[in-house]
Each structure stands twice: as structure tokens, then as C-alpha cells.
Amino acid sequence: MPSISPTRSEIVSWCIDYLSGVLKDTGLSITPTSSFSELGVDSVLAVHMATDLGDWLDLVLEPEVIYDHPSVAELSEYLASHLAQLGRSG
């Protein structure tokens, strides 16, 4: 595990890339301020996204994190702050 974690902007990019891949057939434009509910993120996708994002960040993330921070920007800000508290800020 690297001692420095991704930056907020890298987390934003990961989330947008992830959602773009999963939602590619919807034609939706995904921006940092798009809400997950507007994008159609359901409970199944929230579980998969939290798991994959947690794997990438080397964290255990519960799916609720997607609902507690309902946009890419809010989620990325929370995670960057959480990583900083763990001493792993980028």
C-alpha cells in the first residue's frame, strides 16, 4: 500500500471514469456535481462502486457512503478528508 493516497481530484476522476464505464449506455453526462440519484445509481450499483472504490483506496467502504455523500464532488471531498485524517493525504 502506498503511503500517499490519491488526491481529491484523482478520486473525482476515478469516480467519473467508473460511472462512465458502468452507465455508458445511458447517454448521461457525468460531472462532479451530478447527484448519484440523478444518474440512476441504485443500491446494487452503490454496493459495487463502494467495494471497487474501497479496493482502489485500500479502505473498507460501506455502500451507505454513496448515499451519505450523494455526488462525485461530495464523496471525493469526504474521502480525501478521511484519508488525510488517516495520514494518507495526497
N, C-alpha and C. Protein backbone atom coordinates (compact mmCIF):
# COMPACT_ATOMS: atom_id res chain seq x y z
N MET A 1 0.84 -1.18 0.00
CA MET A 1 0.00 0.00 0.00
C MET A 1 0.88 1.24 0.00
N PRO A 2 0.65 2.19 -0.90
CA PRO A 2 1.44 3.41 -0.89
C PRO A 2 1.12 4.25 0.33
N SER A 3 2.10 5.03 0.79
CA SER A 3 1.88 5.86 1.97
C SER A 3 1.08 7.11 1.62
N ILE A 4 1.08 7.51 0.36
CA ILE A 4 0.31 8.67 -0.08
C ILE A 4 -0.87 8.17 -0.90
N SER A 5 -2.04 8.64 -0.56
CA SER A 5 -3.26 8.25 -1.27
C SER A 5 -3.58 9.23 -2.37
N PRO A 6 -4.52 8.87 -3.22
CA PRO A 6 -4.92 9.77 -4.30
C PRO A 6 -5.44 11.10 -3.77
N THR A 7 -5.28 12.13 -4.57
CA THR A 7 -5.80 13.45 -4.23
C THR A 7 -7.31 13.49 -4.48
N ARG A 8 -7.92 14.57 -4.03
CA ARG A 8 -9.36 14.76 -4.26
C ARG A 8 -9.65 14.71 -5.75
N SER A 9 -8.86 15.40 -6.55
CA SER A 9 -9.12 15.42 -8.00
C SER A 9 -8.93 14.05 -8.63
N GLU A 10 -8.00 13.25 -8.11
CA GLU A 10 -7.83 11.89 -8.62
C GLU A 10 -9.02 11.00 -8.24
N ILE A 11 -9.58 11.24 -7.06
CA ILE A 11 -10.77 10.50 -6.65
C ILE A 11 -11.95 10.89 -7.53
N VAL A 12 -12.09 12.19 -7.82
CA VAL A 12 -13.14 12.66 -8.73
C VAL A 12 -13.00 11.97 -10.08
N SER A 13 -11.79 11.94 -10.62
CA SER A 13 -11.55 11.31 -11.92
C SER A 13 -11.90 9.83 -11.89
N TRP A 14 -11.49 9.14 -10.82
CA TRP A 14 -11.80 7.71 -10.71
C TRP A 14 -13.32 7.50 -10.72
N CYS A 15 -14.03 8.29 -9.92
CA CYS A 15 -15.49 8.14 -9.83
C CYS A 15 -16.16 8.40 -11.18
N ILE A 16 -15.75 9.45 -11.86
CA ILE A 16 -16.35 9.77 -13.15
C ILE A 16 -16.03 8.68 -14.17
N ASP A 17 -14.79 8.22 -14.19
CA ASP A 17 -14.43 7.12 -15.11
C ASP A 17 -15.22 5.86 -14.80
N TYR A 18 -15.34 5.54 -13.52
CA TYR A 18 -16.08 4.35 -13.11
C TYR A 18 -17.53 4.44 -13.55
N LEU A 19 -18.17 5.55 -13.21
CA LEU A 19 -19.59 5.71 -13.56
C LEU A 19 -19.79 5.79 -15.06
N SER A 20 -18.85 6.41 -15.77
CA SER A 20 -18.95 6.48 -17.24
C SER A 20 -18.91 5.08 -17.84
N GLY A 21 -18.08 4.22 -17.29
CA GLY A 21 -18.00 2.84 -17.77
C GLY A 21 -19.25 2.04 -17.48
N VAL A 22 -19.78 2.20 -16.29
CA VAL A 22 -20.95 1.44 -15.87
C VAL A 22 -22.23 1.97 -16.54
N LEU A 23 -22.30 3.28 -16.72
CA LEU A 23 -23.51 3.90 -17.24
C LEU A 23 -23.36 4.32 -18.71
N LYS A 24 -22.43 3.72 -19.42
CA LYS A 24 -22.10 4.15 -20.78
C LYS A 24 -23.28 4.11 -21.75
N ASP A 25 -24.20 3.23 -21.53
CA ASP A 25 -25.33 3.10 -22.46
C ASP A 25 -26.47 4.07 -22.15
N THR A 26 -26.35 4.86 -21.09
CA THR A 26 -27.45 5.74 -20.71
C THR A 26 -27.41 7.08 -21.44
N GLY A 27 -26.24 7.47 -21.93
CA GLY A 27 -26.10 8.76 -22.59
C GLY A 27 -26.06 9.94 -21.64
N LEU A 28 -25.99 9.66 -20.34
CA LEU A 28 -25.94 10.73 -19.35
C LEU A 28 -24.58 11.39 -19.31
N SER A 29 -24.58 12.68 -19.07
CA SER A 29 -23.34 13.42 -18.88
C SER A 29 -23.02 13.39 -17.38
N ILE A 30 -21.85 12.89 -17.05
CA ILE A 30 -21.47 12.74 -15.64
C ILE A 30 -20.46 13.83 -15.29
N THR A 31 -20.85 14.66 -14.32
CA THR A 31 -19.98 15.74 -13.84
C THR A 31 -19.78 15.55 -12.34
N PRO A 32 -18.83 16.27 -11.76
CA PRO A 32 -18.63 16.14 -10.31
C PRO A 32 -19.85 16.51 -9.49
N THR A 33 -20.70 17.39 -10.01
CA THR A 33 -21.86 17.81 -9.24
C THR A 33 -23.13 17.00 -9.53
N SER A 34 -23.05 16.07 -10.46
CA SER A 34 -24.21 15.21 -10.73
C SER A 34 -24.51 14.37 -9.49
N SER A 35 -25.79 14.35 -9.12
CA SER A 35 -26.13 13.52 -7.96
C SER A 35 -26.22 12.06 -8.41
N PHE A 36 -25.88 11.19 -7.51
CA PHE A 36 -25.93 9.76 -7.82
C PHE A 36 -27.37 9.35 -8.15
N SER A 37 -28.34 9.95 -7.48
CA SER A 37 -29.73 9.59 -7.77
C SER A 37 -30.13 10.04 -9.17
N GLU A 38 -29.68 11.22 -9.61
CA GLU A 38 -29.95 11.69 -10.97
C GLU A 38 -29.35 10.74 -12.01
N LEU A 39 -28.22 10.15 -11.66
CA LEU A 39 -27.54 9.23 -12.57
C LEU A 39 -28.15 7.83 -12.56
N GLY A 40 -29.06 7.60 -11.63
CA GLY A 40 -29.70 6.29 -11.56
C GLY A 40 -28.91 5.26 -10.77
N VAL A 41 -28.03 5.73 -9.89
CA VAL A 41 -27.27 4.80 -9.06
C VAL A 41 -28.22 4.18 -8.05
N ASP A 42 -28.40 2.87 -8.18
CA ASP A 42 -29.29 2.14 -7.27
C ASP A 42 -28.46 1.43 -6.21
N SER A 43 -29.13 0.67 -5.37
CA SER A 43 -28.43 0.01 -4.26
C SER A 43 -27.39 -0.99 -4.76
N VAL A 44 -27.68 -1.69 -5.83
CA VAL A 44 -26.72 -2.67 -6.36
C VAL A 44 -25.47 -1.97 -6.86
N LEU A 45 -25.66 -0.89 -7.63
CA LEU A 45 -24.51 -0.14 -8.14
C LEU A 45 -23.74 0.52 -6.99
N ALA A 46 -24.46 1.00 -5.97
CA ALA A 46 -23.79 1.60 -4.82
C ALA A 46 -22.87 0.60 -4.12
N VAL A 47 -23.34 -0.64 -3.99
CA VAL A 47 -22.52 -1.69 -3.37
C VAL A 47 -21.27 -1.94 -4.20
N HIS A 48 -21.44 -2.08 -5.50
CA HIS A 48 -20.29 -2.35 -6.37
C HIS A 48 -19.32 -1.17 -6.39
N MET A 49 -19.85 0.03 -6.48
CA MET A 49 -18.98 1.21 -6.52
C MET A 49 -18.21 1.36 -5.21
N ALA A 50 -18.90 1.21 -4.08
CA ALA A 50 -18.23 1.33 -2.78
C ALA A 50 -17.13 0.27 -2.63
N THR A 51 -17.42 -0.94 -3.08
CA THR A 51 -16.43 -2.01 -3.00
C THR A 51 -15.22 -1.72 -3.88
N ASP A 52 -15.47 -1.36 -5.13
CA ASP A 52 -14.36 -1.09 -6.06
C ASP A 52 -13.57 0.14 -5.65
N LEU A 53 -14.26 1.19 -5.22
CA LEU A 53 -13.56 2.39 -4.77
C LEU A 53 -12.76 2.10 -3.51
N GLY A 54 -13.34 1.34 -2.60
CA GLY A 54 -12.61 0.95 -1.39
C GLY A 54 -11.37 0.13 -1.71
N ASP A 55 -11.49 -0.78 -2.66
CA ASP A 55 -10.32 -1.56 -3.08
C ASP A 55 -9.22 -0.64 -3.62
N TRP A 56 -9.62 0.32 -4.45
CA TRP A 56 -8.65 1.25 -5.03
C TRP A 56 -7.97 2.11 -3.96
N LEU A 57 -8.73 2.51 -2.94
CA LEU A 57 -8.20 3.36 -1.88
C LEU A 57 -7.62 2.57 -0.71
N ASP A 58 -7.74 1.24 -0.76
CA ASP A 58 -7.33 0.38 0.33
C ASP A 58 -8.08 0.73 1.62
N LEU A 59 -9.40 0.90 1.47
CA LEU A 59 -10.30 1.18 2.59
C LEU A 59 -11.49 0.24 2.50
N VAL A 60 -12.12 0.00 3.62
CA VAL A 60 -13.40 -0.71 3.62
C VAL A 60 -14.47 0.38 3.61
N LEU A 61 -15.23 0.43 2.52
CA LEU A 61 -16.30 1.42 2.40
C LEU A 61 -17.65 0.71 2.36
N GLU A 62 -18.53 1.15 3.20
CA GLU A 62 -19.90 0.64 3.19
C GLU A 62 -20.67 1.36 2.08
N PRO A 63 -21.64 0.72 1.48
CA PRO A 63 -22.43 1.36 0.41
C PRO A 63 -23.11 2.65 0.85
N GLU A 64 -23.38 2.77 2.14
CA GLU A 64 -24.03 3.97 2.65
C GLU A 64 -23.24 5.24 2.36
N VAL A 65 -21.92 5.09 2.16
CA VAL A 65 -21.09 6.27 1.88
C VAL A 65 -21.55 6.96 0.60
N ILE A 66 -22.10 6.19 -0.33
CA ILE A 66 -22.61 6.75 -1.58
C ILE A 66 -23.85 7.60 -1.31
N TYR A 67 -24.69 7.16 -0.40
CA TYR A 67 -25.91 7.90 -0.07
C TYR A 67 -25.64 9.07 0.88
N ASP A 68 -24.66 8.91 1.76
CA ASP A 68 -24.32 9.98 2.70
C ASP A 68 -23.63 11.15 2.01
N HIS A 69 -23.00 10.90 0.88
CA HIS A 69 -22.27 11.92 0.11
C HIS A 69 -22.72 11.77 -1.34
N PRO A 70 -23.88 12.36 -1.67
CA PRO A 70 -24.63 11.98 -2.88
C PRO A 70 -24.18 12.56 -4.22
N SER A 71 -22.95 13.00 -4.33
CA SER A 71 -22.42 13.40 -5.64
C SER A 71 -20.94 13.04 -5.67
N VAL A 72 -20.38 13.02 -6.86
CA VAL A 72 -18.95 12.72 -7.00
C VAL A 72 -18.13 13.73 -6.20
N ALA A 73 -18.49 15.01 -6.29
CA ALA A 73 -17.73 16.05 -5.59
C ALA A 73 -17.80 15.86 -4.08
N GLU A 74 -19.01 15.61 -3.56
CA GLU A 74 -19.16 15.43 -2.11
C GLU A 74 -18.46 14.17 -1.62
N LEU A 75 -18.59 13.09 -2.36
CA LEU A 75 -17.94 11.84 -1.99
C LEU A 75 -16.42 12.00 -2.02
N SER A 76 -15.91 12.63 -3.04
CA SER A 76 -14.46 12.81 -3.18
C SER A 76 -13.90 13.69 -2.07
N GLU A 77 -14.63 14.75 -1.74
CA GLU A 77 -14.21 15.64 -0.65
C GLU A 77 -14.17 14.87 0.67
N TYR A 78 -15.20 14.10 0.94
CA TYR A 78 -15.25 13.29 2.17
C TYR A 78 -14.08 12.31 2.22
N LEU A 79 -13.86 11.59 1.13
CA LEU A 79 -12.80 10.58 1.12
C LEU A 79 -11.42 11.20 1.24
N ALA A 80 -11.18 12.32 0.57
CA ALA A 80 -9.89 13.00 0.68
C ALA A 80 -9.66 13.45 2.12
N SER A 81 -10.70 13.98 2.75
CA SER A 81 -10.60 14.39 4.14
C SER A 81 -10.36 13.20 5.06
N HIS A 82 -11.07 12.11 4.82
CA HIS A 82 -10.91 10.90 5.62
C HIS A 82 -9.49 10.34 5.49
N LEU A 83 -8.98 10.33 4.28
CA LEU A 83 -7.61 9.84 4.06
C LEU A 83 -6.59 10.74 4.75
N ALA A 84 -6.85 12.05 4.75
CA ALA A 84 -5.95 12.98 5.43
C ALA A 84 -5.94 12.70 6.93
N GLN A 85 -7.12 12.42 7.48
CA GLN A 85 -7.20 12.10 8.92
C GLN A 85 -6.43 10.82 9.24
N LEU A 86 -6.36 9.93 8.27
CA LEU A 86 -5.59 8.69 8.45
C LEU A 86 -4.10 8.89 8.19
N GLY A 87 -3.72 10.11 7.81
CA GLY A 87 -2.33 10.40 7.49
C GLY A 87 -1.92 9.92 6.12
N ARG A 88 -2.90 9.78 5.23
CA ARG A 88 -2.62 9.25 3.88
C ARG A 88 -3.02 10.24 2.80
N SER A 89 -2.95 11.52 3.09
CA SER A 89 -3.39 12.50 2.10
C SER A 89 -2.41 12.61 0.96
N GLY A 90 -2.96 12.92 -0.22
CA GLY A 90 -2.15 13.05 -1.44
C GLY A 90 -1.68 14.43 -1.68
